[in-house]
Amino acid sequence: MKLSTPVFAATALFGASLLALSAPLAASAHVDVEPSSTAAGSYSLLTYSVGHGCDGSSTTAITIHIPDTITSVSPTVNPGWEITPLTDGQVTYTASTPLPDGLRTTFVLSLQIPADAAVGDTLSFPVLQTCEVGQTDWAEPVVEGEAEPDHPAPSLTVTEASAESGRDHGATEEDHVATEEVDADAVAATTTAATDDVLARLLGIGGLIVGAVGLVVAVAARRKNAA
């Protein structure tokens, strides 16, 4: 059966739209880390993003490995997850209910970037993602100039200490706690925005489907009336 031009165009448009929508989602398939600061000696909130399971299996635990040069870490409470604080160089979040594949969540650690770290140094935070079936070890180093590995370790590059990070050395623990509370609100807002973004994508896909179906029906009706 030969497709008419309007039907073919609608099908092509629909397929292209799905590819455009799925590209950003595929790009965020890794376990990533976003630091609030990368300056040597500064206090930073590291936000780890997890948006998929292990080959479709739900996530049950996330274990974050901490560099030996960092000896103190404060994990942020994440509702629905039990926390094992820094033990043997790692922090573990265990899900009370497994996180289904395709749903996104974040984990936030508060720590100090080593003051003696050299500018340009890479701090790697390998993450072991455990699922109901199988696991994924995000621990492969990323080498500049080479192709990104399949399971890159979340990492950050140390930058030059700024005047503001220098002032931070004199801050009290209460100051850091207050800062963490403010940043935690920002993280919550970011998570809500990300959820809204996913919902918007789903609604967009639904709208495209309805539009494509409507176009096909209209073309079919015109051909029937013409006959």
Protein backbone atom coordinates (compact mmCIF):
# COMPACT_ATOMS: atom_id res chain seq x y z
CA MET A 1 0.00 0.00 0.00
CA LYS A 2 1.39 3.40 -1.01
CA LEU A 3 1.21 6.09 1.66
CA SER A 4 -0.16 9.47 0.61
CA THR A 5 2.12 12.50 1.00
CA PRO A 6 0.27 13.96 4.06
CA VAL A 7 0.36 10.61 5.89
CA PHE A 8 4.05 10.11 5.08
CA ALA A 9 4.87 13.64 6.23
CA ALA A 10 2.97 13.15 9.48
CA THR A 11 4.79 9.88 10.13
CA ALA A 12 8.19 11.43 9.43
CA LEU A 13 7.41 14.44 11.64
CA PHE A 14 6.28 12.18 14.46
CA GLY A 15 9.41 10.02 14.25
CA ALA A 16 11.72 13.02 14.17
CA SER A 17 9.97 14.55 17.17
CA LEU A 18 10.40 11.36 19.18
CA LEU A 19 14.10 11.30 18.35
CA ALA A 20 14.46 14.93 19.41
CA LEU A 21 12.72 14.28 22.70
CA SER A 22 14.58 11.07 23.45
CA ALA A 23 18.05 12.50 22.73
CA PRO A 24 18.28 14.62 25.94
CA LEU A 25 16.98 11.69 27.98
CA ALA A 26 19.58 9.35 26.51
CA ALA A 27 22.30 11.91 27.18
CA SER A 28 21.44 11.90 30.90
CA ALA A 29 21.73 8.10 31.15
CA HIS A 30 24.94 8.27 33.20
CA VAL A 31 25.28 8.73 36.95
CA ASP A 32 26.57 12.32 37.07
CA VAL A 33 27.84 14.62 39.79
CA GLU A 34 27.31 18.40 39.94
CA PRO A 35 29.46 20.25 42.53
CA SER A 36 28.39 23.61 43.93
CA SER A 37 32.09 24.52 44.17
CA THR A 38 35.32 23.07 42.78
CA ALA A 39 37.85 25.46 44.34
CA ALA A 40 40.59 23.94 46.46
CA GLY A 41 39.75 24.26 50.16
CA SER A 42 36.13 25.22 49.55
CA TYR A 43 33.07 23.48 50.96
CA SER A 44 30.96 21.91 48.25
CA LEU A 45 27.65 20.14 47.83
CA LEU A 46 28.00 17.25 45.40
CA THR A 47 24.68 16.32 43.78
CA TYR A 48 24.59 12.85 42.20
CA SER A 49 21.84 12.24 39.63
CA VAL A 50 20.44 8.78 38.96
CA GLY A 51 17.79 8.44 36.27
CA HIS A 52 17.75 4.78 35.26
CA GLY A 53 18.28 1.27 36.62
CA CYS A 54 20.53 -1.59 35.52
CA ASP A 55 19.33 -2.68 32.07
CA GLY A 56 15.77 -1.93 33.13
CA SER A 57 16.01 -3.32 36.68
CA SER A 58 15.01 -1.10 39.64
CA THR A 59 17.76 0.48 41.75
CA THR A 60 18.07 -0.76 45.35
CA ALA A 61 21.28 0.96 46.54
CA ILE A 62 23.85 3.57 45.57
CA THR A 63 27.36 3.36 47.02
CA ILE A 64 29.55 6.43 46.52
CA HIS A 65 33.31 5.96 46.91
CA ILE A 66 35.15 8.92 48.43
CA PRO A 67 38.80 9.84 47.60
CA ASP A 68 41.30 9.10 50.38
CA THR A 69 42.14 12.82 50.62
CA ILE A 70 38.61 13.55 51.88
CA THR A 71 38.05 12.34 55.44
CA SER A 72 34.76 14.00 56.39
CA VAL A 73 31.47 13.76 54.50
CA SER A 74 27.94 14.76 55.54
CA PRO A 75 25.26 12.91 53.52
CA THR A 76 21.97 14.75 53.01
CA VAL A 77 18.84 12.90 54.11
CA ASN A 78 16.92 11.52 51.14
CA PRO A 79 13.32 10.44 51.94
CA GLY A 80 12.79 6.75 51.22
CA TRP A 81 16.48 5.91 51.51
CA GLU A 82 18.52 4.68 54.49
CA ILE A 83 22.00 6.15 54.83
CA THR A 84 25.22 4.45 55.90
CA PRO A 85 27.55 7.40 56.68
CA LEU A 86 31.19 7.44 55.60
CA THR A 87 32.57 3.96 56.35
CA ASP A 88 35.71 2.45 54.80
CA GLY A 89 35.83 5.31 52.32
CA GLN A 90 32.27 5.08 51.05
CA VAL A 91 28.74 6.35 51.67
CA THR A 92 25.76 4.11 50.89
CA TYR A 93 22.11 4.97 50.25
CA THR A 94 19.76 1.96 50.43
CA ALA A 95 16.24 2.25 49.05
CA SER A 96 13.29 1.39 51.29
CA THR A 97 11.40 0.74 48.04
CA PRO A 98 13.42 0.06 44.84
CA LEU A 99 13.59 3.01 42.44
CA PRO A 100 11.98 1.93 39.12
CA ASP A 101 13.99 2.27 35.94
CA GLY A 102 13.29 5.61 34.27
CA LEU A 103 12.53 7.54 37.46
CA ARG A 104 15.07 10.12 38.55
CA THR A 105 16.38 10.99 42.00
CA THR A 106 19.40 12.79 43.46
CA PHE A 107 21.78 12.25 46.38
CA VAL A 108 23.68 15.14 47.97
CA LEU A 109 26.93 15.00 49.93
CA SER A 110 28.52 17.93 51.76
CA LEU A 111 32.32 17.91 51.97
CA GLN A 112 35.43 20.06 51.70
CA ILE A 113 37.59 20.00 48.59
CA PRO A 114 41.16 19.27 49.83
CA ALA A 115 42.98 22.55 50.45
CA ASP A 116 46.25 21.12 49.12
CA ALA A 117 44.72 19.84 45.89
CA ALA A 118 46.46 21.21 42.81
CA VAL A 119 44.54 23.15 40.19
CA GLY A 120 43.61 20.75 37.42
CA ASP A 121 43.60 17.67 39.65
CA THR A 122 40.69 15.30 39.06
CA LEU A 123 38.77 14.01 42.06
CA SER A 124 36.96 10.81 41.13
CA PHE A 125 33.90 9.52 42.99
CA PRO A 126 33.12 6.02 41.59
CA VAL A 127 29.53 4.91 42.17
CA LEU A 128 28.31 1.33 42.45
CA GLN A 129 24.65 1.12 41.45
CA THR A 130 23.00 -2.03 42.83
CA CYS A 131 19.70 -3.19 41.34
CA GLU A 132 17.15 -5.93 41.92
CA VAL A 133 18.83 -7.75 39.07
CA GLY A 134 22.51 -7.02 38.51
CA GLN A 135 24.56 -3.91 39.18
CA THR A 136 26.45 -1.21 37.30
CA ASP A 137 29.86 0.01 38.43
CA TRP A 138 30.35 3.61 37.35
CA ALA A 139 34.11 3.54 37.90
CA GLU A 140 35.88 3.88 34.55
CA PRO A 141 38.25 6.87 34.37
CA VAL A 142 37.60 9.59 31.82
CA VAL A 143 40.78 10.41 29.89
CA GLU A 144 40.99 13.75 28.11
CA GLY A 145 41.25 13.31 24.37
CA GLU A 146 39.83 9.79 24.43
CA ALA A 147 36.29 8.55 23.87
CA GLU A 148 34.11 8.49 26.96
CA PRO A 149 33.90 4.99 28.45
CA ASP A 150 30.60 3.15 28.82
CA HIS A 151 30.52 3.59 32.60
CA PRO A 152 32.45 6.77 33.48
CA ALA A 153 33.13 7.56 37.12
CA PRO A 154 31.55 10.82 38.32
CA SER A 155 34.38 13.31 38.82
CA LEU A 156 35.25 16.98 39.19
CA THR A 157 38.28 19.05 38.30
CA VAL A 158 39.83 21.19 41.04
CA THR A 159 39.95 24.90 40.25
CA GLU A 160 41.94 27.75 41.75
CA ALA A 161 40.92 28.82 45.24
CA SER A 162 38.96 32.05 45.07
CA ALA A 163 38.81 34.88 47.62
CA GLU A 164 35.37 33.67 48.62
CA SER A 165 36.54 30.09 49.17
CA GLY A 166 39.41 31.49 51.25
CA ARG A 167 36.96 33.34 53.49
CA ASP A 168 35.06 30.09 53.84
CA HIS A 169 38.00 28.61 55.79
CA GLY A 170 37.11 30.83 58.71
CA ALA A 171 33.42 29.98 58.73
CA THR A 172 31.92 28.17 61.66
CA GLU A 173 30.14 24.81 61.55
CA GLU A 174 26.86 26.67 62.13
CA ASP A 175 27.56 28.74 59.02
CA HIS A 176 28.07 25.59 56.97
CA VAL A 177 24.88 24.03 58.34
CA ALA A 178 22.92 27.16 57.43
CA THR A 179 24.42 27.14 53.94
CA GLU A 180 23.54 23.47 53.50
CA GLU A 181 19.93 24.17 54.49
CA VAL A 182 19.66 26.91 51.86
CA ASP A 183 21.35 24.74 49.21
CA ALA A 184 19.14 21.79 50.13
CA ASP A 185 16.11 23.94 49.31
CA ALA A 186 17.73 24.75 45.96
CA VAL A 187 18.34 21.06 45.31
CA ALA A 188 14.69 20.30 46.11
CA ALA A 189 13.58 23.02 43.70
CA THR A 190 15.89 21.61 41.02
CA THR A 191 14.49 18.11 41.53
CA THR A 192 10.94 19.46 41.23
CA ALA A 193 11.86 21.29 38.04
CA ALA A 194 13.39 18.11 36.61
CA THR A 195 10.21 16.19 37.42
CA ASP A 196 8.13 18.88 35.74
CA ASP A 197 10.42 18.68 32.71
CA VAL A 198 9.91 14.92 32.37
CA LEU A 199 6.13 15.41 32.70
CA ALA A 200 6.24 18.09 30.02
CA ARG A 201 8.10 15.71 27.70
CA LEU A 202 5.52 12.99 28.26
CA LEU A 203 2.68 15.42 27.59
CA GLY A 204 4.48 16.59 24.46
CA ILE A 205 4.81 13.03 23.20
CA GLY A 206 1.12 12.44 23.92
CA GLY A 207 0.20 15.57 22.00
CA LEU A 208 2.27 14.48 19.02
CA ILE A 209 0.58 11.08 19.00
CA VAL A 210 -2.90 12.64 19.12
CA GLY A 211 -1.97 15.11 16.38
CA ALA A 212 -0.55 12.42 14.11
CA VAL A 213 -3.60 10.18 14.59
CA GLY A 214 -5.94 13.12 13.89
CA LEU A 215 -4.09 13.93 10.68
CA VAL A 216 -4.28 10.33 9.47
CA VAL A 217 -8.02 10.18 10.27
CA ALA A 218 -8.65 13.47 8.42
CA VAL A 219 -6.78 12.27 5.32
CA ALA A 220 -8.68 8.96 5.38
CA ALA A 221 -12.00 10.81 5.68
CA ARG A 222 -11.18 13.05 2.72
CA ARG A 223 -10.26 10.07 0.58
CA LYS A 224 -13.51 8.33 1.57
CA ASN A 225 -15.60 11.40 0.73
CA ALA A 226 -13.80 11.83 -2.57
CA ALA A 227 -14.61 8.21 -3.45
